[in-house]
PDB file of N, CA and C in Angstrom:
ATOM      1  N   MET A   1     -19.192   1.425  -4.241  1.00  0.00           N
ATOM      2  CA  MET A   1     -17.637   0.176  -3.568  1.00  0.00           C
ATOM      3  C   MET A   1     -16.976   0.750  -2.489  1.00  0.00           C
ATOM      4  N   SER A   2     -17.184  -0.125  -1.634  1.00  0.00           N
ATOM      5  CA  SER A   2     -16.982   0.387  -0.202  1.00  0.00           C
ATOM      6  C   SER A   2     -15.284   0.394  -0.016  1.00  0.00           C
ATOM      7  N   LYS A   3     -14.577   0.687   0.852  1.00  0.00           N
ATOM      8  CA  LYS A   3     -13.304   0.762   0.598  1.00  0.00           C
ATOM      9  C   LYS A   3     -12.685  -0.409   1.529  1.00  0.00           C
ATOM     10  N   ILE A   4     -11.599  -0.876   1.577  1.00  0.00           N
ATOM     11  CA  ILE A   4     -11.336  -1.970   2.503  1.00  0.00           C
ATOM     12  C   ILE A   4     -10.371  -1.521   3.538  1.00  0.00           C
ATOM     13  N   THR A   5     -10.562  -1.830   4.699  1.00  0.00           N
ATOM     14  CA  THR A   5      -9.863  -1.039   5.767  1.00  0.00           C
ATOM     15  C   THR A   5      -8.646  -1.851   6.217  1.00  0.00           C
ATOM     16  N   ILE A   6      -7.894  -1.512   6.433  1.00  0.00           N
ATOM     17  CA  ILE A   6      -6.589  -2.054   7.107  1.00  0.00           C
ATOM     18  C   ILE A   6      -6.181  -1.174   8.373  1.00  0.00           C
ATOM     19  N   ASP A   7      -6.405  -1.914   9.421  1.00  0.00           N
ATOM     20  CA  ASP A   7      -6.295  -1.726  10.791  1.00  0.00           C
ATOM     21  C   ASP A   7      -4.515  -1.901  11.191  1.00  0.00           C
ATOM     22  N   LEU A   8      -3.934  -0.553  11.146  1.00  0.00           N
ATOM     23  CA  LEU A   8      -2.210  -0.467  11.093  1.00  0.00           C
ATOM     24  C   LEU A   8      -1.810  -0.734  12.343  1.00  0.00           C
ATOM     25  N   SER A   9      -2.958  -0.569  13.322  1.00  0.00           N
ATOM     26  CA  SER A   9      -2.576  -1.201  15.117  1.00  0.00           C
ATOM     27  C   SER A   9      -2.064  -2.946  15.041  1.00  0.00           C
ATOM     28  N   GLY A  10      -2.469  -3.244  14.133  1.00  0.00           N
ATOM     29  CA  GLY A  10      -2.423  -4.766  14.026  1.00  0.00           C
ATOM     30  C   GLY A  10      -1.404  -5.357  13.435  1.00  0.00           C
ATOM     31  N   PRO A  11      -1.174  -6.722  12.968  1.00  0.00           N
ATOM     32  CA  PRO A  11      -0.636  -7.355  12.128  1.00  0.00           C
ATOM     33  C   PRO A  11      -0.633  -6.746  10.788  1.00  0.00           C
ATOM     34  N   ASP A  12      -1.666  -6.533  10.040  1.00  0.00           N
ATOM     35  CA  ASP A  12      -1.480  -5.945   9.053  1.00  0.00           C
ATOM     36  C   ASP A  12      -0.928  -4.559   9.178  1.00  0.00           C
ATOM     37  N   GLY A  13      -0.576  -4.065   9.660  1.00  0.00           N
ATOM     38  CA  GLY A  13       0.246  -2.465  10.254  1.00  0.00           C
ATOM     39  C   GLY A  13       1.631  -2.741   9.728  1.00  0.00           C
ATOM     40  N   ASN A  14       2.148  -3.611   9.565  1.00  0.00           N
ATOM     41  CA  ASN A  14       3.268  -4.526   9.268  1.00  0.00           C
ATOM     42  C   ASN A  14       4.150  -3.407   7.877  1.00  0.00           C
ATOM     43  N   ALA A  15       4.978  -3.238   7.913  1.00  0.00           N
ATOM     44  CA  ALA A  15       5.656  -2.902   6.466  1.00  0.00           C
ATOM     45  C   ALA A  15       5.583  -3.676   5.372  1.00  0.00           C
ATOM     46  N   PHE A  16       6.155  -4.968   5.958  1.00  0.00           N
ATOM     47  CA  PHE A  16       6.326  -5.898   4.941  1.00  0.00           C
ATOM     48  C   PHE A  16       4.830  -6.302   4.341  1.00  0.00           C
ATOM     49  N   TYR A  17       3.637  -6.642   5.460  1.00  0.00           N
ATOM     50  CA  TYR A  17       2.371  -6.815   4.497  1.00  0.00           C
ATOM     51  C   TYR A  17       1.733  -6.075   3.797  1.00  0.00           C
ATOM     52  N   LEU A  18       2.236  -4.418   4.074  1.00  0.00           N
ATOM     53  CA  LEU A  18       1.492  -3.520   3.142  1.00  0.00           C
ATOM     54  C   LEU A  18       2.207  -3.495   2.178  1.00  0.00           C
ATOM     55  N   LEU A  19       3.527  -3.529   1.909  1.00  0.00           N
ATOM     56  CA  LEU A  19       4.303  -4.076   0.698  1.00  0.00           C
ATOM     57  C   LEU A  19       3.735  -5.093  -0.060  1.00  0.00           C
ATOM     58  N   GLY A  20       3.534  -5.928   0.450  1.00  0.00           N
ATOM     59  CA  GLY A  20       2.730  -7.271  -0.194  1.00  0.00           C
ATOM     60  C   GLY A  20       1.420  -6.711  -0.849  1.00  0.00           C
ATOM     61  N   LYS A  21       0.958  -5.863  -0.324  1.00  0.00           N
ATOM     62  CA  LYS A  21      -0.453  -5.692  -0.836  1.00  0.00           C
ATOM     63  C   LYS A  21      -0.080  -4.831  -1.935  1.00  0.00           C
ATOM     64  N   VAL A  22       0.876  -4.210  -2.329  1.00  0.00           N
ATOM     65  CA  VAL A  22       1.230  -3.284  -3.677  1.00  0.00           C
ATOM     66  C   VAL A  22       0.869  -4.087  -4.729  1.00  0.00           C
ATOM     67  N   ARG A  23       1.488  -5.184  -4.441  1.00  0.00           N
ATOM     68  CA  ARG A  23       1.619  -6.654  -5.634  1.00  0.00           C
ATOM     69  C   ARG A  23       0.106  -7.061  -5.809  1.00  0.00           C
ATOM     70  N   GLN A  24      -0.586  -7.262  -4.644  1.00  0.00           N
ATOM     71  CA  GLN A  24      -2.060  -7.604  -4.504  1.00  0.00           C
ATOM     72  C   GLN A  24      -2.873  -6.937  -5.399  1.00  0.00           C
ATOM     73  N   PHE A  25      -2.431  -5.525  -4.775  1.00  0.00           N
ATOM     74  CA  PHE A  25      -3.642  -4.527  -5.278  1.00  0.00           C
ATOM     75  C   PHE A  25      -3.446  -4.455  -6.890  1.00  0.00           C
ATOM     76  N   GLY A  26      -2.024  -3.942  -7.076  1.00  0.00           N
ATOM     77  CA  GLY A  26      -1.504  -3.445  -8.214  1.00  0.00           C
ATOM     78  C   GLY A  26      -1.936  -4.519  -9.188  1.00  0.00           C
ATOM     79  N   GLN A  27      -1.872  -5.937  -9.110  1.00  0.00           N
ATOM     80  CA  GLN A  27      -2.556  -6.773 -10.344  1.00  0.00           C
ATOM     81  C   GLN A  27      -4.155  -6.567 -10.424  1.00  0.00           C
ATOM     82  N   GLN A  28      -4.771  -6.543  -8.990  1.00  0.00           N
ATOM     83  CA  GLN A  28      -6.175  -6.412  -8.945  1.00  0.00           C
ATOM     84  C   GLN A  28      -6.587  -4.861 -10.431  1.00  0.00           C
ATOM     85  N   LEU A  29      -5.669  -3.706 -10.148  1.00  0.00           N
ATOM     86  CA  LEU A  29      -5.784  -2.845 -10.935  1.00  0.00           C
ATOM     87  C   LEU A  29      -4.974  -2.756 -12.146  1.00  0.00           C
ATOM     88  N   GLU A  30      -4.647  -3.823 -12.461  1.00  0.00           N
ATOM     89  CA  GLU A  30      -3.773  -4.082 -13.451  1.00  0.00           C
ATOM     90  C   GLU A  30      -2.851  -3.190 -13.795  1.00  0.00           C
ATOM     91  N   PHE A  31      -1.929  -2.346 -12.995  1.00  0.00           N
ATOM     92  CA  PHE A  31      -0.482  -1.860 -12.814  1.00  0.00           C
ATOM     93  C   PHE A  31       0.016  -2.921 -13.293  1.00  0.00           C
ATOM     94  N   SER A  32       1.230  -2.238 -14.237  1.00  0.00           N
ATOM     95  CA  SER A  32       2.127  -3.265 -15.289  1.00  0.00           C
ATOM     96  C   SER A  32       3.091  -3.192 -13.636  1.00  0.00           C
ATOM     97  N   LYS A  33       4.182  -4.435 -14.078  1.00  0.00           N
ATOM     98  CA  LYS A  33       5.032  -4.889 -12.752  1.00  0.00           C
ATOM     99  C   LYS A  33       6.030  -3.618 -12.530  1.00  0.00           C
ATOM    100  N   GLU A  34       6.535  -3.002 -13.526  1.00  0.00           N
ATOM    101  CA  GLU A  34       7.151  -1.930 -13.493  1.00  0.00           C
ATOM    102  C   GLU A  34       6.420  -1.177 -12.534  1.00  0.00           C
ATOM    103  N   LYS A  35       5.492  -0.790 -12.441  1.00  0.00           N
ATOM    104  CA  LYS A  35       4.659   0.147 -11.857  1.00  0.00           C
ATOM    105  C   LYS A  35       4.728  -0.081 -10.601  1.00  0.00           C
ATOM    106  N   GLN A  36       4.329  -1.084 -10.101  1.00  0.00           N
ATOM    107  CA  GLN A  36       4.242  -2.087  -8.641  1.00  0.00           C
ATOM    108  C   GLN A  36       5.429  -1.939  -8.429  1.00  0.00           C
ATOM    109  N   SER A  37       6.557  -2.247  -8.994  1.00  0.00           N
ATOM    110  CA  SER A  37       8.299  -2.290  -8.284  1.00  0.00           C
ATOM    111  C   SER A  37       8.381  -0.822  -8.129  1.00  0.00           C
ATOM    112  N   GLU A  38       7.979   0.339  -8.780  1.00  0.00           N
ATOM    113  CA  GLU A  38       8.294   2.003  -8.308  1.00  0.00           C
ATOM    114  C   GLU A  38       7.542   2.150  -7.395  1.00  0.00           C
ATOM    115  N   ILE A  39       6.467   1.706  -7.116  1.00  0.00           N
ATOM    116  CA  ILE A  39       5.241   2.031  -6.066  1.00  0.00           C
ATOM    117  C   ILE A  39       6.082   1.636  -4.503  1.00  0.00           C
ATOM    118  N   SER A  40       6.652   0.312  -4.997  1.00  0.00           N
ATOM    119  CA  SER A  40       7.390  -0.073  -3.805  1.00  0.00           C
ATOM    120  C   SER A  40       8.754   0.517  -3.427  1.00  0.00           C
ATOM    121  N   LYS A  41       9.385   0.517  -4.316  1.00  0.00           N
ATOM    122  CA  LYS A  41      10.577   1.129  -4.039  1.00  0.00           C
ATOM    123  C   LYS A  41      10.500   2.769  -3.319  1.00  0.00           C
ATOM    124  N   GLU A  42       9.385   3.317  -4.430  1.00  0.00           N
ATOM    125  CA  GLU A  42       9.276   4.976  -3.514  1.00  0.00           C
ATOM    126  C   GLU A  42       8.743   4.534  -1.834  1.00  0.00           C
ATOM    127  N   MET A  43       8.021   3.669  -1.430  1.00  0.00           N
ATOM    128  CA  MET A  43       7.238   3.170  -0.588  1.00  0.00           C
ATOM    129  C   MET A  43       8.825   3.216   0.727  1.00  0.00           C
ATOM    130  N   LYS A  44       9.685   2.658   0.269  1.00  0.00           N
ATOM    131  CA  LYS A  44      10.732   1.721   0.923  1.00  0.00           C
ATOM    132  C   LYS A  44      11.973   3.068   1.286  1.00  0.00           C
ATOM    133  N   SER A  45      11.897   3.960   0.487  1.00  0.00           N
ATOM    134  CA  SER A  45      12.504   5.067   0.108  1.00  0.00           C
ATOM    135  C   SER A  45      12.902   6.072   1.399  1.00  0.00           C
ATOM    136  N   GLY A  46      11.807   5.903   2.633  1.00  0.00           N
ATOM    137  CA  GLY A  46      12.103   6.712   3.765  1.00  0.00           C
ATOM    138  C   GLY A  46      11.375   5.885   4.750  1.00  0.00           C
ATOM    139  N   ASP A  47      11.172   6.886   5.794  1.00  0.00           N
ATOM    140  CA  ASP A  47      10.298   5.850   6.909  1.00  0.00           C
ATOM    141  C   ASP A  47       8.922   5.522   7.015  1.00  0.00           C
ATOM    142  N   TYR A  48       8.989   4.918   8.108  1.00  0.00           N
ATOM    143  CA  TYR A  48       7.100   4.266   8.159  1.00  0.00           C
ATOM    144  C   TYR A  48       6.425   5.031   7.873  1.00  0.00           C
ATOM    145  N   ASP A  49       6.218   6.600   8.139  1.00  0.00           N
ATOM    146  CA  ASP A  49       5.096   7.349   7.578  1.00  0.00           C
ATOM    147  C   ASP A  49       5.372   7.735   5.955  1.00  0.00           C
ATOM    148  N   ASN A  50       6.523   7.698   5.567  1.00  0.00           N
ATOM    149  CA  ASN A  50       6.707   7.990   3.915  1.00  0.00           C
ATOM    150  C   ASN A  50       5.885   6.666   3.311  1.00  0.00           C
ATOM    151  N   LEU A  51       6.500   5.248   4.208  1.00  0.00           N
ATOM    152  CA  LEU A  51       5.686   4.009   3.686  1.00  0.00           C
ATOM    153  C   LEU A  51       4.160   4.340   3.818  1.00  0.00           C
ATOM    154  N   LEU A  52       3.451   4.769   4.528  1.00  0.00           N
ATOM    155  CA  LEU A  52       2.125   4.683   4.540  1.00  0.00           C
ATOM    156  C   LEU A  52       1.241   5.961   3.516  1.00  0.00           C
ATOM    157  N   SER A  53       2.513   7.013   3.656  1.00  0.00           N
ATOM    158  CA  SER A  53       1.935   8.138   2.649  1.00  0.00           C
ATOM    159  C   SER A  53       2.205   7.470   1.360  1.00  0.00           C
ATOM    160  N   VAL A  54       2.830   7.126   1.002  1.00  0.00           N
ATOM    161  CA  VAL A  54       2.942   6.603  -0.705  1.00  0.00           C
ATOM    162  C   VAL A  54       1.963   5.829  -0.888  1.00  0.00           C
ATOM    163  N   PHE A  55       1.675   4.680  -0.002  1.00  0.00           N
ATOM    164  CA  PHE A  55       0.750   3.820  -0.396  1.00  0.00           C
ATOM    165  C   PHE A  55      -0.481   4.321  -0.172  1.00  0.00           C
ATOM    166  N   GLU A  56      -1.055   5.337   0.530  1.00  0.00           N
ATOM    167  CA  GLU A  56      -2.218   6.268   0.320  1.00  0.00           C
ATOM    168  C   GLU A  56      -2.309   6.673  -0.610  1.00  0.00           C
ATOM    169  N   LYS A  57      -1.485   7.678  -1.109  1.00  0.00           N
ATOM    170  CA  LYS A  57      -1.192   8.125  -2.444  1.00  0.00           C
ATOM    171  C   LYS A  57      -1.706   7.254  -3.887  1.00  0.00           C
ATOM    172  N   HIS A  58      -1.175   5.335  -3.774  1.00  0.00           N
ATOM    173  CA  HIS A  58      -1.515   5.118  -4.928  1.00  0.00           C
ATOM    174  C   HIS A  58      -3.010   4.138  -4.661  1.00  0.00           C
ATOM    175  N   PHE A  59      -3.089   3.858  -3.506  1.00  0.00           N
ATOM    176  CA  PHE A  59      -4.478   2.922  -3.178  1.00  0.00           C
ATOM    177  C   PHE A  59      -5.318   3.648  -2.372  1.00  0.00           C
ATOM    178  N   GLY A  60      -5.126   4.890  -1.874  1.00  0.00           N
ATOM    179  CA  GLY A  60      -6.191   5.730  -1.174  1.00  0.00           C
ATOM    180  C   GLY A  60      -7.839   5.708  -1.520  1.00  0.00           C
ATOM    181  N   GLU A  61      -7.958   5.852  -2.855  1.00  0.00           N
ATOM    182  CA  GLU A  61      -8.940   5.595  -3.360  1.00  0.00           C
ATOM    183  C   GLU A  61      -9.992   4.212  -2.989  1.00  0.00           C
ATOM    184  N   TYR A  62      -8.858   3.085  -2.872  1.00  0.00           N
ATOM    185  CA  TYR A  62     -10.096   1.788  -2.716  1.00  0.00           C
ATOM    186  C   TYR A  62      -9.271   1.511  -1.044  1.00  0.00           C
ATOM    187  N   VAL A  63      -8.602   2.163  -0.435  1.00  0.00           N
ATOM    188  CA  VAL A  63      -7.989   1.798   1.150  1.00  0.00           C
ATOM    189  C   VAL A  63      -7.947   2.422   1.678  1.00  0.00           C
ATOM    190  N   LYS A  64      -8.677   2.274   2.908  1.00  0.00           N
ATOM    191  CA  LYS A  64      -8.526   3.152   3.995  1.00  0.00           C
ATOM    192  C   LYS A  64      -7.491   2.642   5.184  1.00  0.00           C
ATOM    193  N   LEU A  65      -6.817   3.214   5.522  1.00  0.00           N
ATOM    194  CA  LEU A  65      -5.781   2.764   6.658  1.00  0.00           C
ATOM    195  C   LEU A  65      -6.119   3.454   7.735  1.00  0.00           C
ATOM    196  N   GLN A  66      -6.690   2.335   8.702  1.00  0.00           N
ATOM    197  CA  GLN A  66      -7.383   2.971   9.905  1.00  0.00           C
ATOM    198  C   GLN A  66      -6.058   2.817  11.299  1.00  0.00           C
ATOM    199  N   ARG A  67      -5.298   4.066  11.567  1.00  0.00           N
ATOM    200  CA  ARG A  67      -4.675   4.492  12.422  1.00  0.00           C
ATOM    201  C   ARG A  67      -5.167   4.366  14.040  1.00  0.00           C
TER     202      ARG A  67
END
């Protein structure tokens, strides 16, 4: 299975877009709503670099963030 690429230099690099992907990917991976909420909260707990780091921690196996 190839990874999905998200180009961070375009509109898909927007923090709100990435937070929305937590819900979409979380549902596809059958994460509980609680786990999805915890991931979103952790992503919002710092700056943009933190948001990317947390996203990669949880979805990096499936998604490549292109900088």
